[in-house]
Amino acid sequence: MEHEIWFTALLNKLLGGTVTSLLVKVGLPPANPAHPVPDYVAMEVLVILLLLVGLGVLRQRLSVEQPGKFQQAMEVVVQFVQNTADEIIGLEGRRYVAMLGTLGLFIVLCNLLGLVPTLMTPTSEWSVPLGCAVAAFIYYNFHGMRMHGVVGYLKRFLGPILWIAWIMLPVEILSNFARLVSLTARLRANMYAGDLLEQVFGGLVPVIVPVIFMALHVFVSLLQAYIFMLLPAVYISLAVSEEH
């Protein structure tokens, strides 16, 4: 077994038996029953806990007259997501701010986690970007069906002219699933490469070069989180628009 991150070891100690029991019941027994939680899952749990704690702190300290620095920072984030949704989706954009904002915050924290000593970047593993991509995929297709009805939404896959529907249907289906691959591969490849470069150069050259690559990691983390929020906004816009 590879060396566990301390937080992973803690989760496995507290919840390992329960997790193993649940996995066995659903027919997915873990390779190591004593350590069923892998590092990347533990890091996701840590990010979720950080978001929940941050939300709790923010809620307790909300103030109209004297907003704190944390509240001001989060207001900037919310305003940024709202503006992005308004520009891409249009009048109904505010409906999707909660999903887009949550997705963006979750991914940026996952991306930055690897900069913390003893932790790792969970988005450098395939499962995490894929899970986020699947969530976005289900979300925008659900809202497309909500807006147009199941039959109406599926008709959009047939194209504007009935006699070419037999061509358009497989093209549209493949195009939709290609979004899953694109979202997953882009995020995973960038974060994996960033982690690898930081580890290699951080071990070879002291101080200055590692700092440069850490700064690059921060930039790539923010950029990839923005792209992962931006593209689902585009997909939502296409799914709920009147014209396809």
Protein backbone atom coordinates (compact mmCIF):
# COMPACT_ATOMS: atom_id res chain seq x y z
CA MET A 1 0.00 0.00 0.00
CA GLU A 2 1.26 3.48 -0.89
CA HIS A 3 1.90 5.94 1.89
CA GLU A 4 -1.38 7.47 3.03
CA ILE A 5 -1.87 11.17 3.54
CA TRP A 6 -2.56 11.87 7.23
CA PHE A 7 -6.14 12.99 6.53
CA THR A 8 -6.80 9.82 4.54
CA ALA A 9 -5.45 7.73 7.42
CA LEU A 10 -7.75 9.61 9.80
CA LEU A 11 -10.82 8.96 7.63
CA ASN A 12 -9.94 5.30 7.26
CA LYS A 13 -9.49 4.98 11.00
CA LEU A 14 -12.84 6.65 11.75
CA LEU A 15 -14.95 5.41 8.83
CA GLY A 16 -13.01 2.58 7.19
CA GLY A 17 -15.20 -0.20 8.56
CA THR A 18 -18.43 1.52 7.56
CA VAL A 19 -17.15 2.39 4.07
CA THR A 20 -15.92 -1.17 3.48
CA SER A 21 -19.26 -2.59 4.61
CA LEU A 22 -21.17 -0.31 2.24
CA LEU A 23 -18.88 -1.10 -0.69
CA VAL A 24 -19.25 -4.84 -0.09
CA LYS A 25 -23.04 -4.51 0.00
CA VAL A 26 -23.12 -2.77 -3.40
CA GLY A 27 -20.76 -5.35 -4.89
CA LEU A 28 -17.63 -3.19 -4.99
CA PRO A 29 -15.33 -4.64 -2.33
CA PRO A 30 -12.19 -2.49 -1.80
CA ALA A 31 -8.76 -3.88 -2.57
CA ASN A 32 -7.69 -3.09 0.98
CA PRO A 33 -10.65 -3.45 3.37
CA ALA A 34 -8.73 -1.76 6.19
CA HIS A 35 -8.05 1.31 4.02
CA PRO A 36 -11.00 1.67 1.62
CA VAL A 37 -10.77 5.47 1.24
CA PRO A 38 -8.10 6.56 -1.29
CA ASP A 39 -6.20 9.83 -1.00
CA TYR A 40 -8.12 11.66 -3.73
CA VAL A 41 -11.49 10.86 -2.11
CA ALA A 42 -10.18 12.03 1.27
CA MET A 43 -9.07 15.30 -0.34
CA GLU A 44 -12.54 15.77 -1.81
CA VAL A 45 -14.03 15.23 1.63
CA LEU A 46 -11.60 17.79 3.05
CA VAL A 47 -12.60 20.35 0.41
CA ILE A 48 -16.30 19.78 1.15
CA LEU A 49 -15.62 20.26 4.86
CA LEU A 50 -13.72 23.48 4.11
CA LEU A 51 -16.64 24.76 2.04
CA LEU A 52 -19.14 23.90 4.77
CA VAL A 53 -17.02 25.54 7.47
CA GLY A 54 -16.53 28.61 5.29
CA LEU A 55 -20.27 28.80 4.68
CA GLY A 56 -20.97 28.53 8.40
CA VAL A 57 -18.48 31.27 9.26
CA LEU A 58 -19.83 33.50 6.51
CA ARG A 59 -23.42 33.01 7.61
CA GLN A 60 -22.63 33.88 11.23
CA ARG A 61 -20.74 37.04 10.28
CA LEU A 62 -23.04 38.42 7.59
CA SER A 63 -23.48 42.15 8.01
CA VAL A 64 -24.96 44.87 5.84
CA GLU A 65 -23.41 47.77 7.76
CA GLN A 66 -19.96 46.33 8.47
CA PRO A 67 -19.13 43.45 6.12
CA GLY A 68 -15.86 41.71 6.95
CA LYS A 69 -13.07 40.95 4.49
CA PHE A 70 -14.25 37.37 4.02
CA GLN A 71 -17.78 38.53 3.22
CA GLN A 72 -16.47 41.14 0.81
CA ALA A 73 -14.30 38.55 -0.94
CA MET A 74 -17.23 36.16 -1.30
CA GLU A 75 -19.46 38.97 -2.58
CA VAL A 76 -16.88 39.58 -5.31
CA VAL A 77 -16.93 35.86 -6.18
CA VAL A 78 -20.75 35.75 -6.29
CA GLN A 79 -20.89 38.91 -8.41
CA PHE A 80 -18.34 37.43 -10.81
CA VAL A 81 -20.36 34.22 -11.20
CA GLN A 82 -23.59 36.21 -11.64
CA ASN A 83 -22.03 38.38 -14.36
CA THR A 84 -20.70 35.29 -16.13
CA ALA A 85 -24.11 33.60 -16.01
CA ASP A 86 -25.88 36.76 -17.20
CA GLU A 87 -23.53 37.23 -20.14
CA ILE A 88 -23.61 33.62 -21.32
CA ILE A 89 -27.07 32.34 -20.39
CA GLY A 90 -29.06 35.58 -20.39
CA LEU A 91 -32.16 36.54 -18.40
CA GLU A 92 -32.47 33.15 -16.70
CA GLY A 93 -28.78 33.08 -15.77
CA ARG A 94 -29.29 33.77 -12.05
CA ARG A 95 -31.12 30.45 -11.71
CA TYR A 96 -27.86 28.60 -12.32
CA VAL A 97 -25.48 30.70 -10.22
CA ALA A 98 -25.57 28.33 -7.23
CA MET A 99 -24.47 25.33 -9.32
CA LEU A 100 -21.84 27.22 -11.30
CA GLY A 101 -20.43 28.91 -8.20
CA THR A 102 -20.30 25.68 -6.19
CA LEU A 103 -18.60 23.87 -9.05
CA GLY A 104 -16.05 26.66 -9.46
CA LEU A 105 -15.24 26.90 -5.73
CA PHE A 106 -14.98 23.13 -5.33
CA ILE A 107 -12.59 22.79 -8.25
CA VAL A 108 -10.40 25.75 -7.34
CA LEU A 109 -9.96 24.44 -3.79
CA CYS A 110 -9.20 20.95 -5.11
CA ASN A 111 -6.66 22.45 -7.52
CA LEU A 112 -4.93 24.49 -4.81
CA LEU A 113 -4.87 21.75 -2.19
CA GLY A 114 -1.66 20.28 -3.57
CA LEU A 115 0.22 23.44 -2.57
CA VAL A 116 -0.37 22.60 1.09
CA PRO A 117 2.43 20.43 2.49
CA THR A 118 1.37 16.81 3.21
CA LEU A 119 -1.73 17.12 0.99
CA MET A 120 -2.34 16.41 -2.72
CA THR A 121 -4.25 17.80 -5.69
CA PRO A 122 -7.30 15.52 -6.12
CA THR A 123 -8.08 16.92 -9.58
CA SER A 124 -4.83 15.35 -10.84
CA GLU A 125 -6.64 11.98 -10.58
CA TRP A 126 -9.08 10.99 -13.35
CA SER A 127 -12.00 10.19 -11.05
CA VAL A 128 -12.40 13.69 -9.63
CA PRO A 129 -12.59 15.69 -12.91
CA LEU A 130 -14.81 12.96 -14.34
CA GLY A 131 -17.18 13.20 -11.38
CA CYS A 132 -17.43 16.98 -11.78
CA ALA A 133 -17.96 16.60 -15.53
CA VAL A 134 -20.74 14.03 -14.98
CA ALA A 135 -22.43 16.38 -12.50
CA ALA A 136 -22.33 19.23 -15.05
CA PHE A 137 -23.52 16.89 -17.83
CA ILE A 138 -26.55 15.69 -15.84
CA TYR A 139 -27.30 19.24 -14.70
CA TYR A 140 -27.46 20.95 -18.09
CA ASN A 141 -29.36 18.08 -19.72
CA PHE A 142 -31.86 18.09 -16.84
CA HIS A 143 -32.52 21.79 -17.30
CA GLY A 144 -32.82 21.33 -21.05
CA MET A 145 -35.55 18.77 -20.41
CA ARG A 146 -37.13 21.00 -17.77
CA MET A 147 -37.30 23.90 -20.20
CA HIS A 148 -38.48 22.04 -23.32
CA GLY A 149 -39.91 18.80 -21.96
CA VAL A 150 -38.25 15.43 -22.47
CA VAL A 151 -39.60 14.91 -25.99
CA GLY A 152 -38.99 18.52 -27.03
CA TYR A 153 -35.44 18.43 -25.78
CA LEU A 154 -34.64 15.12 -27.48
CA LYS A 155 -36.10 16.44 -30.75
CA ARG A 156 -33.33 19.05 -30.75
CA PHE A 157 -30.88 16.20 -31.31
CA LEU A 158 -32.56 15.46 -34.65
CA GLY A 159 -31.55 18.75 -36.25
CA PRO A 160 -33.68 21.35 -38.05
CA ILE A 161 -34.58 19.16 -41.06
CA LEU A 162 -36.26 15.79 -40.59
CA TRP A 163 -34.67 14.01 -43.55
CA ILE A 164 -31.15 14.50 -42.17
CA ALA A 165 -32.14 13.41 -38.64
CA TRP A 166 -30.45 10.03 -39.14
CA ILE A 167 -27.14 11.90 -39.55
CA MET A 168 -27.68 14.56 -36.91
CA LEU A 169 -28.79 12.23 -34.12
CA PRO A 170 -25.49 10.29 -33.73
CA VAL A 171 -23.50 13.49 -34.30
CA GLU A 172 -25.40 15.34 -31.55
CA ILE A 173 -25.16 12.41 -29.14
CA LEU A 174 -21.42 12.07 -29.72
CA SER A 175 -21.01 15.83 -29.39
CA ASN A 176 -22.78 15.78 -26.04
CA PHE A 177 -20.66 12.96 -24.65
CA ALA A 178 -17.53 14.57 -26.08
CA ARG A 179 -18.14 17.41 -23.63
CA LEU A 180 -17.65 14.93 -20.80
CA VAL A 181 -14.31 13.85 -22.22
CA SER A 182 -13.23 17.43 -22.91
CA LEU A 183 -14.04 18.70 -19.42
CA THR A 184 -12.40 15.72 -17.76
CA ALA A 185 -9.23 15.53 -19.86
CA ARG A 186 -8.53 19.27 -19.82
CA LEU A 187 -8.72 19.63 -16.05
CA ARG A 188 -6.91 16.40 -15.22
CA ALA A 189 -4.08 16.93 -17.72
CA ASN A 190 -3.37 20.49 -16.61
CA MET A 191 -3.39 19.71 -12.88
CA TYR A 192 -1.36 16.51 -13.32
CA ALA A 193 1.25 18.35 -15.39
CA GLY A 194 1.37 21.21 -12.86
CA ASP A 195 1.90 18.79 -9.97
CA LEU A 196 4.58 16.90 -11.86
CA LEU A 197 6.54 20.02 -12.83
CA GLU A 198 6.36 21.37 -9.29
CA GLN A 199 7.63 18.09 -7.82
CA VAL A 200 10.48 17.73 -10.33
CA PHE A 201 11.81 21.27 -10.18
CA GLY A 202 11.03 21.67 -6.49
CA GLY A 203 13.33 18.74 -5.76
CA LEU A 204 16.14 19.92 -8.03
CA VAL A 205 16.42 23.67 -7.51
CA PRO A 206 16.11 25.52 -4.19
CA VAL A 207 13.77 28.41 -3.32
CA ILE A 208 13.35 30.61 -6.41
CA VAL A 209 12.32 28.07 -9.07
CA PRO A 210 9.86 26.23 -6.77
CA VAL A 211 8.24 29.58 -5.94
CA ILE A 212 7.84 30.30 -9.66
CA PHE A 213 6.18 26.94 -10.25
CA MET A 214 3.95 27.39 -7.20
CA ALA A 215 2.80 30.71 -8.65
CA LEU A 216 2.19 28.98 -11.98
CA HIS A 217 0.22 26.28 -10.16
CA VAL A 218 -2.00 28.95 -8.58
CA PHE A 219 -2.57 30.62 -11.97
CA VAL A 220 -3.41 27.32 -13.70
CA SER A 221 -5.67 26.33 -10.78
CA LEU A 222 -7.72 29.52 -11.06
CA LEU A 223 -7.81 29.38 -14.86
CA GLN A 224 -8.95 25.75 -14.99
CA ALA A 225 -11.62 26.34 -12.36
CA TYR A 226 -12.90 29.30 -14.41
CA ILE A 227 -12.95 27.24 -17.62
CA PHE A 228 -14.75 24.39 -15.85
CA MET A 229 -17.37 26.88 -14.69
CA LEU A 230 -17.54 28.70 -18.05
CA LEU A 231 -18.10 25.68 -20.29
CA PRO A 232 -21.07 24.28 -18.31
CA ALA A 233 -22.57 27.78 -18.47
CA VAL A 234 -22.26 27.60 -22.27
CA TYR A 235 -23.80 24.11 -22.30
CA ILE A 236 -26.69 25.31 -20.11
CA SER A 237 -27.25 28.22 -22.49
CA LEU A 238 -27.42 25.85 -25.46
CA ALA A 239 -29.71 23.43 -23.60
CA VAL A 240 -32.29 25.99 -22.44
CA SER A 241 -32.25 28.33 -25.44
CA GLU A 242 -35.28 28.51 -27.69
CA GLU A 243 -33.20 28.00 -30.79
CA HIS A 244 -30.69 25.20 -31.15
